Protein backbone atom coordinates (compact mmCIF):
# COMPACT_ATOMS: atom_id res chain seq x y z
CA MET A 1 0.00 -0.04 0.01
CA GLN A 2 1.40 3.41 -0.99
CA ILE A 3 0.03 6.73 0.26
CA TYR A 4 1.26 10.04 -1.11
CA LEU A 5 0.93 12.91 1.40
CA ASP A 6 3.19 15.56 -0.08
CA TYR A 7 0.78 17.50 -2.23
CA SER A 8 2.30 20.83 -1.21
CA ALA A 9 5.54 19.75 -2.88
CA THR A 10 3.81 18.74 -6.14
CA THR A 11 0.58 17.18 -7.28
CA PRO A 12 0.13 14.25 -9.68
CA THR A 13 -0.83 15.50 -13.13
CA ARG A 14 -4.50 14.94 -13.83
CA SER A 15 -5.40 12.56 -16.67
CA GLU A 16 -7.38 15.33 -18.40
CA VAL A 17 -4.28 17.54 -18.33
CA ILE A 18 -2.04 14.77 -19.69
CA SER A 19 -4.47 14.17 -22.59
CA LEU A 20 -4.54 17.87 -23.48
CA VAL A 21 -0.74 18.22 -23.25
CA GLN A 22 -0.33 15.21 -25.54
CA SER A 23 -2.79 16.44 -28.12
CA THR A 24 -1.28 19.89 -28.04
CA LEU A 25 2.20 18.51 -28.63
CA ALA A 26 0.92 16.51 -31.58
CA GLN A 27 -1.40 19.06 -33.18
CA GLN A 28 -0.77 22.61 -31.92
CA TRP A 29 3.00 22.64 -32.02
CA GLY A 30 3.38 25.91 -33.94
CA ASN A 31 5.17 29.01 -32.67
CA PRO A 32 2.41 31.21 -31.24
CA SER A 33 4.16 34.35 -32.45
CA SER A 34 3.88 33.23 -36.11
CA LEU A 35 1.14 34.72 -38.22
CA HIS A 36 0.35 31.61 -40.28
CA GLU A 37 -2.29 29.03 -39.39
CA TRP A 38 0.05 26.79 -37.36
CA GLY A 39 1.16 29.68 -35.21
CA GLN A 40 -2.37 31.01 -34.72
CA ARG A 41 -3.67 27.63 -33.61
CA ALA A 42 -0.99 27.60 -30.92
CA ALA A 43 -1.77 31.19 -29.98
CA THR A 44 -5.41 30.26 -29.54
CA VAL A 45 -4.37 27.44 -27.16
CA ILE A 46 -2.42 29.93 -25.05
CA GLU A 47 -5.22 32.46 -24.92
CA THR A 48 -7.74 29.81 -23.89
CA ALA A 49 -5.41 28.75 -21.08
CA ARG A 50 -4.93 32.39 -20.08
CA SER A 51 -8.68 32.81 -19.71
CA HIS A 52 -8.96 29.71 -17.51
CA VAL A 53 -6.09 30.80 -15.25
CA ALA A 54 -7.55 34.27 -15.01
CA ASN A 55 -10.94 32.81 -13.99
CA LEU A 56 -9.26 30.93 -11.18
CA ILE A 57 -8.50 34.29 -9.41
CA ASN A 58 -11.30 36.43 -10.95
CA ALA A 59 -8.85 38.46 -13.08
CA SER A 60 -8.96 39.73 -16.63
CA PRO A 61 -7.05 37.44 -19.06
CA GLU A 62 -4.68 40.22 -20.22
CA SER A 63 -3.47 40.55 -16.62
CA ILE A 64 -1.93 37.02 -16.63
CA VAL A 65 1.68 36.55 -17.70
CA PHE A 66 2.84 33.00 -18.12
CA THR A 67 6.15 31.98 -16.55
CA SER A 68 8.13 28.79 -16.03
CA GLY A 69 6.68 28.39 -12.55
CA GLY A 70 6.03 29.96 -9.20
CA THR A 71 9.69 30.79 -8.54
CA GLU A 72 9.99 32.83 -11.72
CA ALA A 73 6.73 34.58 -11.00
CA ASP A 74 7.99 35.54 -7.50
CA ASN A 75 11.31 36.71 -8.85
CA MET A 76 9.51 38.66 -11.58
CA ALA A 77 7.44 40.50 -9.03
CA ILE A 78 10.35 41.37 -6.74
CA MET A 79 13.00 42.23 -9.30
CA GLY A 80 10.51 43.63 -11.79
CA VAL A 81 9.60 46.34 -9.27
CA ALA A 82 13.15 46.85 -8.07
CA ARG A 83 14.45 47.49 -11.57
CA LEU A 84 12.10 50.45 -11.87
CA TYR A 85 14.36 52.46 -9.59
CA CYS A 86 17.87 53.80 -10.14
CA GLN A 87 18.51 54.08 -6.43
CA PRO A 88 17.77 51.50 -3.66
CA GLN A 89 14.39 51.84 -1.99
CA HIS A 90 12.50 50.02 0.72
CA MET A 91 10.60 46.70 0.58
CA ILE A 92 8.57 44.82 3.18
CA ILE A 93 8.29 40.99 3.38
CA SER A 94 7.56 38.57 6.21
CA THR A 95 9.88 36.24 8.09
CA VAL A 96 7.96 33.23 6.73
CA GLU A 97 8.31 33.77 3.02
CA HIS A 98 9.23 31.07 0.52
CA SER A 99 12.88 31.18 -0.57
CA ALA A 100 11.69 32.33 -4.04
CA ILE A 101 10.92 35.65 -2.27
CA SER A 102 13.45 35.75 0.53
CA GLU A 103 16.47 34.99 -1.72
CA PRO A 104 15.97 37.78 -4.34
CA VAL A 105 15.19 40.18 -1.49
CA ARG A 106 18.40 39.16 0.22
CA MET A 107 20.25 39.99 -3.04
CA LEU A 108 18.59 43.41 -3.15
CA GLU A 109 19.73 43.99 0.41
CA LEU A 110 23.31 43.35 -0.72
CA TRP A 111 22.77 45.99 -3.38
CA GLY A 112 21.81 48.56 -0.80
CA TRP A 113 18.04 48.11 -0.53
CA GLN A 114 16.41 48.54 2.81
CA ILE A 115 14.37 45.47 3.77
CA THR A 116 11.86 45.11 6.61
CA ARG A 117 11.03 41.56 7.58
CA LEU A 118 7.75 41.55 9.55
CA SER A 119 7.67 39.14 12.45
CA VAL A 120 4.83 36.69 12.92
CA ASP A 121 3.03 35.41 15.98
CA ALA A 122 3.25 31.83 17.32
CA LYS A 123 0.73 30.74 14.66
CA GLY A 124 2.72 32.29 11.87
CA ARG A 125 0.32 35.24 11.27
CA ILE A 126 1.15 38.87 10.54
CA ASN A 127 -0.48 41.75 12.34
CA PRO A 128 -1.85 44.24 9.80
CA GLN A 129 -1.18 47.06 12.22
CA GLU A 130 2.51 46.13 12.26
CA LEU A 131 2.53 46.28 8.45
CA ALA A 132 1.04 49.75 8.52
CA ALA A 133 3.70 50.86 11.02
CA ALA A 134 6.50 49.48 8.85
CA ILE A 135 5.62 51.44 5.72
CA GLN A 136 7.98 54.31 4.94
CA GLU A 137 8.00 57.13 2.38
CA ASN A 138 10.29 55.11 0.13
CA THR A 139 8.47 51.79 0.45
CA VAL A 140 7.82 50.54 -3.08
CA LEU A 141 6.62 46.93 -2.61
CA ILE A 142 5.12 44.68 0.05
CA SER A 143 5.25 40.93 -0.55
CA ILE A 144 3.45 38.57 1.86
CA ILE A 145 2.87 34.87 1.23
CA TYR A 146 -0.75 33.80 1.14
CA GLY A 147 -0.56 30.20 2.35
CA GLN A 148 2.65 29.09 4.02
CA SER A 149 3.79 25.79 2.54
CA GLU A 150 5.51 24.42 5.64
CA ILE A 151 3.06 25.28 8.39
CA GLY A 152 -0.20 25.85 6.45
CA THR A 153 -1.06 29.25 7.89
CA LEU A 154 -3.18 31.56 5.78
CA GLN A 155 -2.31 35.25 6.03
CA PRO A 156 -5.03 37.98 6.25
CA ILE A 157 -4.23 39.01 2.70
CA ALA A 158 -7.37 41.14 2.23
CA GLU A 159 -6.60 43.18 5.29
CA LEU A 160 -2.92 43.55 4.40
CA GLY A 161 -3.85 44.52 0.87
CA LYS A 162 -6.10 47.27 2.11
CA VAL A 163 -3.26 48.65 4.20
CA ALA A 164 -0.94 48.65 1.13
CA ARG A 165 -3.64 50.25 -1.06
CA LYS A 166 -4.31 52.95 1.53
CA HIS A 167 -0.60 53.85 1.55
CA GLN A 168 -0.35 53.53 -2.28
CA VAL A 169 2.27 50.83 -2.07
CA LEU A 170 2.29 47.93 -4.49
CA PHE A 171 1.26 44.64 -2.89
CA HIS A 172 2.33 41.14 -4.01
CA THR A 173 1.30 37.76 -2.65
CA ASP A 174 2.73 34.33 -3.38
CA ALA A 175 -0.54 32.38 -3.78
CA VAL A 176 1.13 29.19 -5.06
CA GLN A 177 -0.19 27.05 -2.22
CA ALA A 178 -3.59 28.78 -1.92
CA ALA A 179 -4.77 28.95 -5.53
CA GLY A 180 -7.08 26.12 -6.52
CA ARG A 181 -7.58 25.17 -2.89
CA ILE A 182 -9.44 28.23 -1.64
CA PRO A 183 -11.43 30.84 -3.60
CA ILE A 184 -9.29 33.82 -4.65
CA ASP A 185 -10.62 37.13 -5.96
CA VAL A 186 -7.85 39.61 -6.80
CA GLU A 187 -10.28 42.50 -6.54
CA THR A 188 -11.41 41.87 -2.98
CA LEU A 189 -7.89 40.99 -1.95
CA CYS A 190 -6.54 44.40 -3.10
CA VAL A 191 -3.44 42.77 -4.65
CA ASP A 192 -1.36 44.23 -7.49
CA LEU A 193 0.72 41.14 -8.18
CA LEU A 194 -0.01 37.46 -7.45
CA SER A 195 2.07 34.32 -8.18
CA LEU A 196 0.68 31.00 -9.38
CA SER A 197 2.09 27.55 -10.20
CA SER A 198 0.67 24.83 -12.41
CA HIS A 199 2.07 21.77 -10.71
CA LYS A 200 0.46 22.70 -7.33
CA ILE A 201 -2.99 22.32 -8.92
CA TYR A 202 -2.55 19.00 -10.80
CA GLY A 203 -1.07 20.65 -13.88
CA THR A 204 2.34 19.94 -15.41
CA GLN A 205 5.63 21.06 -13.95
CA GLY A 206 7.27 23.93 -15.81
CA ALA A 207 4.41 26.39 -16.01
CA GLY A 208 3.29 29.24 -13.72
CA GLY A 209 1.88 32.70 -13.93
CA LEU A 210 2.04 36.18 -12.47
CA TYR A 211 -1.06 38.33 -12.18
CA ILE A 212 -0.21 41.96 -12.88
CA ARG A 213 -2.96 44.41 -12.14
CA PRO A 214 -3.69 46.55 -15.21
CA GLY A 215 -1.70 49.77 -14.97
CA VAL A 216 1.10 48.28 -12.83
CA GLU A 217 4.48 48.52 -14.49
CA LEU A 218 7.33 46.02 -14.16
CA VAL A 219 10.72 45.78 -15.82
CA PRO A 220 10.98 42.32 -17.47
CA LEU A 221 13.51 39.78 -16.24
CA LEU A 222 13.95 38.35 -19.72
CA LEU A 223 14.53 40.49 -22.78
CA GLY A 224 14.15 39.37 -26.41
CA GLY A 225 11.15 38.92 -28.63
CA GLY A 226 8.62 40.58 -26.32
CA GLN A 227 6.29 37.63 -25.95
CA GLU A 228 3.69 37.57 -23.17
CA MET A 229 2.59 41.18 -23.78
CA ARG A 230 6.22 42.28 -23.66
CA SER A 231 6.41 41.23 -20.01
CA ARG A 232 8.29 37.94 -20.46
CA SER A 233 10.26 37.23 -23.62
CA GLY A 234 10.79 33.69 -24.91
CA THR A 235 8.69 31.35 -27.07
CA GLN A 236 5.90 30.06 -24.89
CA ALA A 237 5.76 26.38 -23.90
CA VAL A 238 2.35 25.86 -25.51
CA ALA A 239 1.68 22.36 -24.26
CA VAL A 240 2.46 22.92 -20.57
CA ILE A 241 0.60 26.22 -20.64
CA ALA A 242 -2.40 24.40 -22.08
CA GLY A 243 -2.09 21.91 -19.22
CA PHE A 244 -1.95 24.78 -16.74
CA GLY A 245 -5.16 26.20 -18.18
CA LYS A 246 -6.95 22.85 -18.03
CA ALA A 247 -5.85 22.30 -14.41
CA ALA A 248 -7.17 25.75 -13.51
CA GLU A 249 -10.49 25.04 -15.24
CA LEU A 250 -10.87 21.76 -13.36
CA ALA A 251 -9.85 23.36 -10.09
CA ILE A 252 -12.68 25.90 -10.38
CA GLN A 253 -15.17 23.09 -10.98
CA ASP A 254 -13.91 20.90 -8.09
CA MET A 255 -13.25 23.47 -5.37
CA VAL A 256 -16.80 23.60 -4.04
CA THR A 257 -16.70 19.97 -3.02
CA GLU A 258 -12.99 19.28 -2.78
CA THR A 259 -12.03 22.01 -0.32
CA PRO A 260 -14.50 20.92 2.38
CA ARG A 261 -13.58 17.26 1.83
CA LEU A 262 -9.91 18.05 2.31
CA MET A 263 -10.67 20.10 5.45
CA GLU A 264 -12.51 17.10 6.90
CA LEU A 265 -9.67 14.76 6.15
CA ARG A 266 -7.14 17.28 7.50
CA ASP A 267 -8.99 17.58 10.80
CA ARG A 268 -9.47 13.78 10.94
CA LEU A 269 -5.69 13.30 10.73
CA PHE A 270 -4.96 16.00 13.31
CA SER A 271 -7.47 14.39 15.68
CA GLN A 272 -5.83 10.95 15.33
CA LEU A 273 -2.36 12.31 16.09
CA VAL A 274 -3.04 15.01 18.67
CA ASP A 275 -2.72 12.73 21.72
CA ILE A 276 0.79 11.58 20.85
CA PRO A 277 2.98 12.82 23.73
CA GLY A 278 5.06 15.84 22.71
CA LEU A 279 3.29 16.39 19.38
CA ILE A 280 2.81 20.09 18.87
CA PRO A 281 0.66 21.27 15.91
CA THR A 282 2.31 24.09 14.03
CA GLY A 283 0.61 26.97 12.26
CA ASP A 284 -2.87 28.41 12.68
CA LEU A 285 -5.37 25.62 13.11
CA SER A 286 -8.33 27.70 11.94
CA GLN A 287 -6.83 30.09 9.34
CA ARG A 288 -5.18 27.26 7.48
CA LEU A 289 -4.77 25.70 4.10
CA PRO A 290 -7.52 23.06 3.76
CA HIS A 291 -5.18 20.23 2.90
CA HIS A 292 -2.38 20.88 5.35
CA VAL A 293 -1.28 19.09 8.50
CA SER A 294 1.95 20.04 10.24
CA PHE A 295 3.58 19.56 13.65
CA CYS A 296 6.80 19.01 15.54
CA LEU A 297 7.68 16.46 18.17
CA VAL A 298 9.37 17.58 21.39
CA ASN A 299 9.33 15.64 24.67
CA ALA A 300 9.12 17.02 28.22
CA ASP A 301 12.93 17.33 28.45
CA GLY A 302 13.05 19.44 25.30
CA ASP A 303 14.57 16.69 23.16
CA SER A 304 13.24 16.34 19.64
CA ILE A 305 13.16 13.72 16.97
CA ASN A 306 14.99 14.21 13.66
CA GLY A 307 12.23 15.00 11.26
CA ARG A 308 14.10 13.62 8.29
CA ASN A 309 14.43 10.24 10.00
CA ILE A 310 10.65 10.10 10.32
CA VAL A 311 10.32 10.91 6.61
CA ARG A 312 12.69 8.03 5.77
CA GLN A 313 10.85 5.60 8.08
CA MET A 314 7.43 6.59 6.69
CA ASN A 315 8.76 6.19 3.19
CA GLN A 316 9.78 2.62 4.04
CA ALA A 317 6.18 2.11 5.15
CA GLY A 318 5.02 3.33 1.75
CA ILE A 319 3.90 6.82 2.87
CA GLY A 320 5.34 10.00 1.41
CA ILE A 321 5.55 13.03 3.75
CA SER A 322 8.02 15.82 4.21
CA ALA A 323 10.16 17.49 6.91
CA GLY A 324 10.76 21.21 7.48
CA SER A 325 14.43 20.90 8.32
CA ALA A 326 17.08 20.87 5.59
CA CYS A 327 20.39 19.14 5.17
CA SER A 328 23.30 21.27 3.89
CA SER A 329 26.91 19.98 3.63
CA GLY A 330 26.01 17.03 5.76
CA LYS A 331 24.68 19.17 8.63
CA LEU A 332 21.01 19.29 9.55
CA SER A 333 19.67 22.86 9.66
CA PRO A 334 16.58 23.84 11.63
CA SER A 335 13.50 25.19 9.76
CA PRO A 336 13.83 29.01 9.41
CA ILE A 337 10.03 29.20 9.37
CA LEU A 338 9.67 27.52 12.79
CA LEU A 339 12.56 29.59 14.18
CA ALA A 340 10.75 32.75 12.99
CA MET A 341 7.66 31.61 14.95
CA GLY A 342 9.59 31.30 18.14
CA TYR A 343 10.32 27.56 18.23
CA SER A 344 13.59 26.35 19.72
CA GLU A 345 16.30 24.99 17.42
CA LYS A 346 15.58 21.49 18.58
CA ALA A 347 11.90 21.85 17.82
CA ALA A 348 12.71 23.43 14.44
CA LEU A 349 14.62 20.29 13.56
CA ALA A 350 11.55 18.19 14.24
CA GLY A 351 8.97 19.72 11.88
CA ILE A 352 6.76 17.31 9.91
CA ARG A 353 4.33 18.11 7.07
CA MET A 354 1.56 15.92 5.68
CA THR A 355 -0.44 17.41 2.83
CA LEU A 356 -3.52 15.86 1.30
CA GLY A 357 -5.00 15.80 -2.16
CA ARG A 358 -7.59 14.52 -4.62
CA GLU A 359 -6.52 10.87 -4.23
CA THR A 360 -6.46 10.91 -0.43
CA THR A 361 -9.12 8.81 1.30
CA LYS A 362 -10.32 8.31 4.88
CA GLU A 363 -8.65 4.90 4.79
CA ASP A 364 -5.37 6.59 3.89
CA ILE A 365 -5.72 8.93 6.78
CA ASP A 366 -6.47 6.18 9.24
CA TRP A 367 -3.60 3.99 8.08
CA THR A 368 -1.18 6.90 8.06
CA ALA A 369 -2.00 7.60 11.74
CA ILE A 370 -1.38 3.94 12.63
CA ALA A 371 1.88 3.78 10.64
CA PHE A 372 3.10 7.02 12.17
CA ARG A 373 2.64 5.67 15.68
CA GLN A 374 4.46 2.47 14.70
CA VAL A 375 7.36 4.51 13.31
CA LEU A 376 7.60 6.50 16.56
CA GLY A 377 7.61 3.20 18.44
CA ARG A 378 10.48 1.88 16.36
CA LEU A 379 12.44 5.07 16.86
CA GLY A 380 11.87 4.97 20.61
CA LYS A 381 9.63 8.04 20.20
CA TYR A 382 12.42 10.54 20.52
CA GLU A 383 15.56 9.23 18.91
CA LYS A 384 18.61 11.27 19.77
CA ARG A 385 20.30 12.87 16.78
């Protein structure tokens, strides 16, 4: 028996998407910039996909720029704004951003930009009042993640967006984990820029998108032929973009029933694990991604279990999960997200994430809970590192 519970890392490509990608590769393989019939058929495929992706977030199709994925979309938002200015300015992010945001911002900091990193509470949430207090005269962009991939916390994006709009500061959110799982309306959220990824919503890897509110100007990362409305040069990957569009279309259809189903399974798994001694749920349990379960394991003496060891043991049991800690040069590093939330280094080494999806069943949840307890038993509950 195999159970995949790492849907926040990537989702299996839906059969409908695979079929469309295959037919597009076989029949609509033209260059969409070409004026002849072959090119125009490909262009039609792209524009159809653009409409579907726009519908996913209640945006106009012309506001969607296709990218190679969420990372490029995030970089495009950060660096596209930064390159508008000859002199370093001020940006605001949170301490729980994905590395696709924190790394380009760190580079800007080396170039002289002033960066404010907003702290979060113990649940990983930002206080809108603290955002308002952090805005300066030279603040040009605020970027706050919508749904945190490691701990599942949803930020109050609508409130934060209103703060940014009131101060006339551009506002970006990385919605890679949230899109397709919860309803998103870019108008009510007051966002100027929003990042998306195909492979998080059962589309193919290698496609993403950036919503750019009409009237917002960015300097392109890639220069060349001026494709994607002169915002992102390079011949579009027609087939994977088609798959992205199909995945978005299907997500819209399924969300009404799938989101509450996932929430029920999420809460079922939490309830079956919560009595394990030393298990501490991480993130906000109410303002949370519907498919997301996360926790760390720390005993009364403050000792923690190596999260990566649990991942390996669960994999041997046929269950795919993930850990928040990372291994660099042979040394285990604590999760920067958990550290930012006030967890100890030991606890930040013991983060575990289980994320659910379309193929997850109640039986999967029940067996995962049993297998997890068995793994802890084999490890002596709190194996010393």
